[in-house]
Amino acid sequence: MKDATKRSILRWIHIILAIPILGYIYSPFEQIPNYAPATRFVFVPVIVLSGLWMWKGHVLRLLISKRSTKQDVAVKPLA
């Protein structure tokens, strides 16, 4: 999968999951308890993680690739 496709998917996830949060914010006060659990435990964490991944994902990928390279070197026996 191309990097542009991955970015597009993350952006759309971020945008689509923001819609229920807007509904939570602008809904009548009496209906807020109906939206609260889903908003707190599903929508906000996914939006935060996708936003962080879009913002600093390149750093995380770099750290993961360096760590896997170091582990490969440590696992290979020296002959």
PDB file of N, CA and C in Angstrom:
ATOM      1  N   MET A   1       0.846  -1.168   0.000  1.00  0.00           N
ATOM      2  CA  MET A   1       0.000   0.000   0.000  1.00  0.00           C
ATOM      3  C   MET A   1       0.897   1.239   0.000  1.00  0.00           C
ATOM      4  N   LYS A   2       0.540   2.191  -0.815  1.00  0.00           N
ATOM      5  CA  LYS A   2       1.327   3.415  -0.920  1.00  0.00           C
ATOM      6  C   LYS A   2       1.151   4.276   0.326  1.00  0.00           C
ATOM      7  N   ASP A   3       2.156   5.104   0.603  1.00  0.00           N
ATOM      8  CA  ASP A   3       2.086   5.999   1.763  1.00  0.00           C
ATOM      9  C   ASP A   3       0.950   7.002   1.618  1.00  0.00           C
ATOM     10  N   ALA A   4       0.704   7.473   0.409  1.00  0.00           N
ATOM     11  CA  ALA A   4      -0.383   8.431   0.196  1.00  0.00           C
ATOM     12  C   ALA A   4      -1.740   7.807   0.519  1.00  0.00           C
ATOM     13  N   THR A   5      -1.908   6.532   0.192  1.00  0.00           N
ATOM     14  CA  THR A   5      -3.155   5.839   0.501  1.00  0.00           C
ATOM     15  C   THR A   5      -3.323   5.682   2.006  1.00  0.00           C
ATOM     16  N   LYS A   6      -2.247   5.345   2.697  1.00  0.00           N
ATOM     17  CA  LYS A   6      -2.313   5.213   4.156  1.00  0.00           C
ATOM     18  C   LYS A   6      -2.687   6.540   4.809  1.00  0.00           C
ATOM     19  N   ARG A   7      -2.066   7.626   4.345  1.00  0.00           N
ATOM     20  CA  ARG A   7      -2.387   8.948   4.894  1.00  0.00           C
ATOM     21  C   ARG A   7      -3.843   9.302   4.645  1.00  0.00           C
ATOM     22  N   SER A   8      -4.328   9.003   3.460  1.00  0.00           N
ATOM     23  CA  SER A   8      -5.721   9.300   3.131  1.00  0.00           C
ATOM     24  C   SER A   8      -6.679   8.522   4.022  1.00  0.00           C
ATOM     25  N   ILE A   9      -6.384   7.259   4.266  1.00  0.00           N
ATOM     26  CA  ILE A   9      -7.232   6.438   5.141  1.00  0.00           C
ATOM     27  C   ILE A   9      -7.227   6.998   6.556  1.00  0.00           C
ATOM     28  N   LEU A  10      -6.054   7.361   7.069  1.00  0.00           N
ATOM     29  CA  LEU A  10      -5.981   7.927   8.422  1.00  0.00           C
ATOM     30  C   LEU A  10      -6.738   9.244   8.518  1.00  0.00           C
ATOM     31  N   ARG A  11      -6.623  10.076   7.491  1.00  0.00           N
ATOM     32  CA  ARG A  11      -7.350  11.349   7.506  1.00  0.00           C
ATOM     33  C   ARG A  11      -8.851  11.132   7.544  1.00  0.00           C
ATOM     34  N   TRP A  12      -9.339  10.188   6.728  1.00  0.00           N
ATOM     35  CA  TRP A  12     -10.778   9.945   6.701  1.00  0.00           C
ATOM     36  C   TRP A  12     -11.273   9.332   8.008  1.00  0.00           C
ATOM     37  N   ILE A  13     -10.492   8.463   8.610  1.00  0.00           N
ATOM     38  CA  ILE A  13     -10.862   7.932   9.930  1.00  0.00           C
ATOM     39  C   ILE A  13     -10.956   9.076  10.921  1.00  0.00           C
ATOM     40  N   HIS A  14      -9.979   9.952  10.888  1.00  0.00           N
ATOM     41  CA  HIS A  14      -9.933  11.093  11.799  1.00  0.00           C
ATOM     42  C   HIS A  14     -11.155  11.997  11.591  1.00  0.00           C
ATOM     43  N   ILE A  15     -11.489  12.285  10.361  1.00  0.00           N
ATOM     44  CA  ILE A  15     -12.619  13.173  10.057  1.00  0.00           C
ATOM     45  C   ILE A  15     -13.946  12.516  10.405  1.00  0.00           C
ATOM     46  N   ILE A  16     -14.133  11.265  10.023  1.00  0.00           N
ATOM     47  CA  ILE A  16     -15.413  10.589  10.260  1.00  0.00           C
ATOM     48  C   ILE A  16     -15.675  10.402  11.747  1.00  0.00           C
ATOM     49  N   LEU A  17     -14.656  10.083  12.518  1.00  0.00           N
ATOM     50  CA  LEU A  17     -14.875   9.897  13.954  1.00  0.00           C
ATOM     51  C   LEU A  17     -15.003  11.222  14.699  1.00  0.00           C
ATOM     52  N   ALA A  18     -14.709  12.331  14.053  1.00  0.00           N
ATOM     53  CA  ALA A  18     -14.930  13.628  14.679  1.00  0.00           C
ATOM     54  C   ALA A  18     -16.404  14.029  14.632  1.00  0.00           C
ATOM     55  N   ILE A  19     -17.153  13.466  13.705  1.00  0.00           N
ATOM     56  CA  ILE A  19     -18.572  13.813  13.569  1.00  0.00           C
ATOM     57  C   ILE A  19     -19.368  13.465  14.835  1.00  0.00           C
ATOM     58  N   PRO A  20     -19.233  12.256  15.419  1.00  0.00           N
ATOM     59  CA  PRO A  20     -19.978  11.983  16.661  1.00  0.00           C
ATOM     60  C   PRO A  20     -19.552  12.884  17.825  1.00  0.00           C
ATOM     61  N   ILE A  21     -18.306  13.315  17.835  1.00  0.00           N
ATOM     62  CA  ILE A  21     -17.869  14.219  18.903  1.00  0.00           C
ATOM     63  C   ILE A  21     -18.547  15.572  18.750  1.00  0.00           C
ATOM     64  N   LEU A  22     -18.678  16.031  17.524  1.00  0.00           N
ATOM     65  CA  LEU A  22     -19.419  17.281  17.305  1.00  0.00           C
ATOM     66  C   LEU A  22     -20.872  17.129  17.741  1.00  0.00           C
ATOM     67  N   GLY A  23     -21.468  15.971  17.464  1.00  0.00           N
ATOM     68  CA  GLY A  23     -22.829  15.712  17.932  1.00  0.00           C
ATOM     69  C   GLY A  23     -22.914  15.709  19.443  1.00  0.00           C
ATOM     70  N   TYR A  24     -21.890  15.187  20.092  1.00  0.00           N
ATOM     71  CA  TYR A  24     -21.830  15.175  21.552  1.00  0.00           C
ATOM     72  C   TYR A  24     -21.758  16.596  22.098  1.00  0.00           C
ATOM     73  N   ILE A  25     -20.948  17.418  21.467  1.00  0.00           N
ATOM     74  CA  ILE A  25     -20.769  18.786  21.945  1.00  0.00           C
ATOM     75  C   ILE A  25     -22.029  19.617  21.747  1.00  0.00           C
ATOM     76  N   TYR A  26     -22.659  19.480  20.593  1.00  0.00           N
ATOM     77  CA  TYR A  26     -23.790  20.340  20.267  1.00  0.00           C
ATOM     78  C   TYR A  26     -25.147  19.717  20.524  1.00  0.00           C
ATOM     79  N   SER A  27     -25.196  18.540  21.146  1.00  0.00           N
ATOM     80  CA  SER A  27     -26.480  17.919  21.440  1.00  0.00           C
ATOM     81  C   SER A  27     -27.120  18.594  22.657  1.00  0.00           C
ATOM     82  N   PRO A  28     -28.427  18.434  22.800  1.00  0.00           N
ATOM     83  CA  PRO A  28     -29.087  18.975  23.989  1.00  0.00           C
ATOM     84  C   PRO A  28     -28.508  18.353  25.264  1.00  0.00           C
ATOM     85  N   PHE A  29     -28.505  19.116  26.320  1.00  0.00           N
ATOM     86  CA  PHE A  29     -27.877  18.694  27.573  1.00  0.00           C
ATOM     87  C   PHE A  29     -28.457  17.385  28.100  1.00  0.00           C
ATOM     88  N   GLU A  30     -29.740  17.151  27.861  1.00  0.00           N
ATOM     89  CA  GLU A  30     -30.380  15.935  28.374  1.00  0.00           C
ATOM     90  C   GLU A  30     -29.872  14.676  27.678  1.00  0.00           C
ATOM     91  N   GLN A  31     -29.367  14.798  26.459  1.00  0.00           N
ATOM     92  CA  GLN A  31     -28.936  13.626  25.705  1.00  0.00           C
ATOM     93  C   GLN A  31     -27.446  13.329  25.848  1.00  0.00           C
ATOM     94  N   ILE A  32     -26.705  14.168  26.525  1.00  0.00           N
ATOM     95  CA  ILE A  32     -25.259  13.966  26.661  1.00  0.00           C
ATOM     96  C   ILE A  32     -24.920  12.638  27.344  1.00  0.00           C
ATOM     97  N   PRO A  33     -25.624  12.204  28.390  1.00  0.00           N
ATOM     98  CA  PRO A  33     -25.272  10.895  28.985  1.00  0.00           C
ATOM     99  C   PRO A  33     -25.387   9.721  28.018  1.00  0.00           C
ATOM    100  N   ASN A  34     -26.217   9.845  26.987  1.00  0.00           N
ATOM    101  CA  ASN A  34     -26.333   8.766  25.999  1.00  0.00           C
ATOM    102  C   ASN A  34     -25.066   8.651  25.146  1.00  0.00           C
ATOM    103  N   TYR A  35     -24.427   9.766  24.860  1.00  0.00           N
ATOM    104  CA  TYR A  35     -23.243   9.789  24.003  1.00  0.00           C
ATOM    105  C   TYR A  35     -21.927   9.651  24.780  1.00  0.00           C
ATOM    106  N   ALA A  36     -21.943   9.892  26.060  1.00  0.00           N
ATOM    107  CA  ALA A  36     -20.711  10.010  26.832  1.00  0.00           C
ATOM    108  C   ALA A  36     -19.811   8.770  26.782  1.00  0.00           C
ATOM    109  N   PRO A  37     -20.292   7.565  27.065  1.00  0.00           N
ATOM    110  CA  PRO A  37     -19.368   6.420  27.083  1.00  0.00           C
ATOM    111  C   PRO A  37     -18.690   6.164  25.731  1.00  0.00           C
ATOM    112  N   ALA A  38     -19.473   6.207  24.671  1.00  0.00           N
ATOM    113  CA  ALA A  38     -18.888   5.959  23.347  1.00  0.00           C
ATOM    114  C   ALA A  38     -17.886   7.050  22.986  1.00  0.00           C
ATOM    115  N   THR A  39     -18.209   8.276  23.336  1.00  0.00           N
ATOM    116  CA  THR A  39     -17.306   9.379  23.011  1.00  0.00           C
ATOM    117  C   THR A  39     -16.019   9.278  23.808  1.00  0.00           C
ATOM    118  N   ARG A  40     -16.123   9.002  25.092  1.00  0.00           N
ATOM    119  CA  ARG A  40     -14.931   8.943  25.951  1.00  0.00           C
ATOM    120  C   ARG A  40     -14.030   7.758  25.652  1.00  0.00           C
ATOM    121  N   PHE A  41     -14.634   6.605  25.405  1.00  0.00           N
ATOM    122  CA  PHE A  41     -13.836   5.382  25.336  1.00  0.00           C
ATOM    123  C   PHE A  41     -13.573   4.868  23.924  1.00  0.00           C
ATOM    124  N   VAL A  42     -14.232   5.435  22.920  1.00  0.00           N
ATOM    125  CA  VAL A  42     -14.016   4.965  21.552  1.00  0.00           C
ATOM    126  C   VAL A  42     -13.534   6.097  20.659  1.00  0.00           C
ATOM    127  N   PHE A  43     -14.365   7.122  20.493  1.00  0.00           N
ATOM    128  CA  PHE A  43     -14.082   8.149  19.498  1.00  0.00           C
ATOM    129  C   PHE A  43     -12.866   9.001  19.842  1.00  0.00           C
ATOM    130  N   VAL A  44     -12.786   9.500  21.052  1.00  0.00           N
ATOM    131  CA  VAL A  44     -11.656  10.360  21.420  1.00  0.00           C
ATOM    132  C   VAL A  44     -10.324   9.605  21.379  1.00  0.00           C
ATOM    133  N   PRO A  45     -10.207   8.405  21.951  1.00  0.00           N
ATOM    134  CA  PRO A  45      -8.921   7.702  21.850  1.00  0.00           C
ATOM    135  C   PRO A  45      -8.496   7.396  20.411  1.00  0.00           C
ATOM    136  N   VAL A  46      -9.447   7.003  19.566  1.00  0.00           N
ATOM    137  CA  VAL A  46      -9.090   6.704  18.180  1.00  0.00           C
ATOM    138  C   VAL A  46      -8.660   7.974  17.451  1.00  0.00           C
ATOM    139  N   ILE A  47      -9.343   9.076  17.702  1.00  0.00           N
ATOM    140  CA  ILE A  47      -8.959  10.340  17.068  1.00  0.00           C
ATOM    141  C   ILE A  47      -7.586  10.788  17.562  1.00  0.00           C
ATOM    142  N   VAL A  48      -7.325  10.646  18.842  1.00  0.00           N
ATOM    143  CA  VAL A  48      -6.019  11.040  19.382  1.00  0.00           C
ATOM    144  C   VAL A  48      -4.911  10.180  18.776  1.00  0.00           C
ATOM    145  N   LEU A  49      -5.119   8.866  18.723  1.00  0.00           N
ATOM    146  CA  LEU A  49      -4.098   7.984  18.160  1.00  0.00           C
ATOM    147  C   LEU A  49      -3.881   8.232  16.672  1.00  0.00           C
ATOM    148  N   SER A  50      -4.952   8.434  15.931  1.00  0.00           N
ATOM    149  CA  SER A  50      -4.768   8.694  14.502  1.00  0.00           C
ATOM    150  C   SER A  50      -4.109  10.051  14.276  1.00  0.00           C
ATOM    151  N   GLY A  51      -4.451  11.041  15.102  1.00  0.00           N
ATOM    152  CA  GLY A  51      -3.799  12.348  14.986  1.00  0.00           C
ATOM    153  C   GLY A  51      -2.324  12.289  15.323  1.00  0.00           C
ATOM    154  N   LEU A  52      -1.984  11.574  16.378  1.00  0.00           N
ATOM    155  CA  LEU A  52      -0.570  11.419  16.730  1.00  0.00           C
ATOM    156  C   LEU A  52       0.182  10.653  15.655  1.00  0.00           C
ATOM    157  N   TRP A  53      -0.455   9.637  15.082  1.00  0.00           N
ATOM    158  CA  TRP A  53       0.200   8.869  14.038  1.00  0.00           C
ATOM    159  C   TRP A  53       0.442   9.733  12.806  1.00  0.00           C
ATOM    160  N   MET A  54      -0.545  10.583  12.450  1.00  0.00           N
ATOM    161  CA  MET A  54      -0.348  11.471  11.299  1.00  0.00           C
ATOM    162  C   MET A  54       0.726  12.512  11.591  1.00  0.00           C
ATOM    163  N   TRP A  55       0.814  12.942  12.842  1.00  0.00           N
ATOM    164  CA  TRP A  55       1.751  13.996  13.205  1.00  0.00           C
ATOM    165  C   TRP A  55       3.171  13.472  13.369  1.00  0.00           C
ATOM    166  N   LYS A  56       3.334  12.414  14.154  1.00  0.00           N
ATOM    167  CA  LYS A  56       4.664  11.898  14.484  1.00  0.00           C
ATOM    168  C   LYS A  56       4.856  10.435  14.094  1.00  0.00           C
ATOM    169  N   GLY A  57       4.101   9.963  13.149  1.00  0.00           N
ATOM    170  CA  GLY A  57       4.233   8.570  12.728  1.00  0.00           C
ATOM    171  C   GLY A  57       5.577   8.258  12.110  1.00  0.00           C
ATOM    172  N   HIS A  58       6.147   9.238  11.411  1.00  0.00           N
ATOM    173  CA  HIS A  58       7.448   9.010  10.796  1.00  0.00           C
ATOM    174  C   HIS A  58       8.527   8.753  11.844  1.00  0.00           C
ATOM    175  N   VAL A  59       8.432   9.409  12.995  1.00  0.00           N
ATOM    176  CA  VAL A  59       9.406   9.193  14.075  1.00  0.00           C
ATOM    177  C   VAL A  59       9.221   7.798  14.673  1.00  0.00           C
ATOM    178  N   LEU A  60       7.980   7.392  14.868  1.00  0.00           N
ATOM    179  CA  LEU A  60       7.704   6.073  15.420  1.00  0.00           C
ATOM    180  C   LEU A  60       8.180   4.977  14.471  1.00  0.00           C
ATOM    181  N   ARG A  61       7.929   5.136  13.173  1.00  0.00           N
ATOM    182  CA  ARG A  61       8.414   4.148  12.208  1.00  0.00           C
ATOM    183  C   ARG A  61       9.934   4.075  12.211  1.00  0.00           C
ATOM    184  N   LEU A  62      10.588   5.222  12.363  1.00  0.00           N
ATOM    185  CA  LEU A  62      12.052   5.245  12.411  1.00  0.00           C
ATOM    186  C   LEU A  62      12.565   4.515  13.651  1.00  0.00           C
ATOM    187  N   LEU A  63      11.931   4.746  14.799  1.00  0.00           N
ATOM    188  CA  LEU A  63      12.335   4.060  16.029  1.00  0.00           C
ATOM    189  C   LEU A  63      12.108   2.554  15.932  1.00  0.00           C
ATOM    190  N   ILE A  64      10.992   2.159  15.353  1.00  0.00           N
ATOM    191  CA  ILE A  64      10.693   0.734  15.220  1.00  0.00           C
ATOM    192  C   ILE A  64      11.698   0.067  14.282  1.00  0.00           C
ATOM    193  N   SER A  65      12.032   0.731  13.188  1.00  0.00           N
ATOM    194  CA  SER A  65      12.975   0.122  12.243  1.00  0.00           C
ATOM    195  C   SER A  65      14.368   0.024  12.852  1.00  0.00           C
ATOM    196  N   LYS A  66      14.790   1.016  13.635  1.00  0.00           N
ATOM    197  CA  LYS A  66      16.094   0.938  14.295  1.00  0.00           C
ATOM    198  C   LYS A  66      16.110  -0.169  15.338  1.00  0.00           C
ATOM    199  N   ARG A  67      15.019  -0.305  16.083  1.00  0.00           N
ATOM    200  CA  ARG A  67      14.941  -1.329  17.115  1.00  0.00           C
ATOM    201  C   ARG A  67      14.966  -2.720  16.493  1.00  0.00           C
ATOM    202  N   SER A  68      14.237  -2.921  15.395  1.00  0.00           N
ATOM    203  CA  SER A  68      14.225  -4.239  14.764  1.00  0.00           C
ATOM    204  C   SER A  68      15.593  -4.559  14.164  1.00  0.00           C
ATOM    205  N   THR A  69      16.296  -3.552  13.660  1.00  0.00           N
ATOM    206  CA  THR A  69      17.635  -3.779  13.126  1.00  0.00           C
ATOM    207  C   THR A  69      18.589  -4.183  14.244  1.00  0.00           C
ATOM    208  N   LYS A  70      18.505  -3.516  15.385  1.00  0.00           N
ATOM    209  CA  LYS A  70      19.364  -3.864  16.521  1.00  0.00           C
ATOM    210  C   LYS A  70      19.050  -5.262  17.027  1.00  0.00           C
ATOM    211  N   GLN A  71      17.783  -5.638  17.054  1.00  0.00           N
ATOM    212  CA  GLN A  71      17.399  -6.974  17.510  1.00  0.00           C
ATOM    213  C   GLN A  71      17.901  -8.025  16.530  1.00  0.00           C
ATOM    214  N   ASP A  72      17.851  -7.744  15.240  1.00  0.00           N
ATOM    215  CA  ASP A  72      18.349  -8.703  14.240  1.00  0.00           C
ATOM    216  C   ASP A  72      19.842  -8.920  14.413  1.00  0.00           C
ATOM    217  N   VAL A  73      20.578  -7.852  14.698  1.00  0.00           N
ATOM    218  CA  VAL A  73      22.005  -7.967  14.898  1.00  0.00           C
ATOM    219  C   VAL A  73      22.303  -8.753  16.168  1.00  0.00           C
ATOM    220  N   ALA A  74      21.505  -8.517  17.215  1.00  0.00           N
ATOM    221  CA  ALA A  74      21.719  -9.218  18.482  1.00  0.00           C
ATOM    222  C   ALA A  74      21.384 -10.705  18.379  1.00  0.00           C
ATOM    223  N   VAL A  75      20.436 -11.057  17.539  1.00  0.00           N
ATOM    224  CA  VAL A  75      20.007 -12.441  17.419  1.00  0.00           C
ATOM    225  C   VAL A  75      20.956 -13.246  16.558  1.00  0.00           C
ATOM    226  N   LYS A  76      21.556 -12.636  15.544  1.00  0.00           N
ATOM    227  CA  LYS A  76      22.449 -13.364  14.645  1.00  0.00           C
ATOM    228  C   LYS A  76      23.752 -13.735  15.375  1.00  0.00           C
ATOM    229  N   PRO A  77      24.145 -14.993  15.283  1.00  0.00           N
ATOM    230  CA  PRO A  77      25.393 -15.395  15.928  1.00  0.00           C
ATOM    231  C   PRO A  77      26.584 -14.899  15.136  1.00  0.00           C
ATOM    232  N   LEU A  78      27.620 -14.542  15.832  1.00  0.00           N
ATOM    233  CA  LEU A  78      28.842 -14.096  15.188  1.00  0.00           C
ATOM    234  C   LEU A  78      29.697 -15.322  14.883  1.00  0.00           C
ATOM    235  N   ALA A  79      30.034 -15.513  13.618  1.00  0.00           N
ATOM    236  CA  ALA A  79      30.798 -16.708  13.223  1.00  0.00           C
ATOM    237  C   ALA A  79      32.222 -16.346  12.913  1.00  0.00           C
TER     238      ALA A  79
END
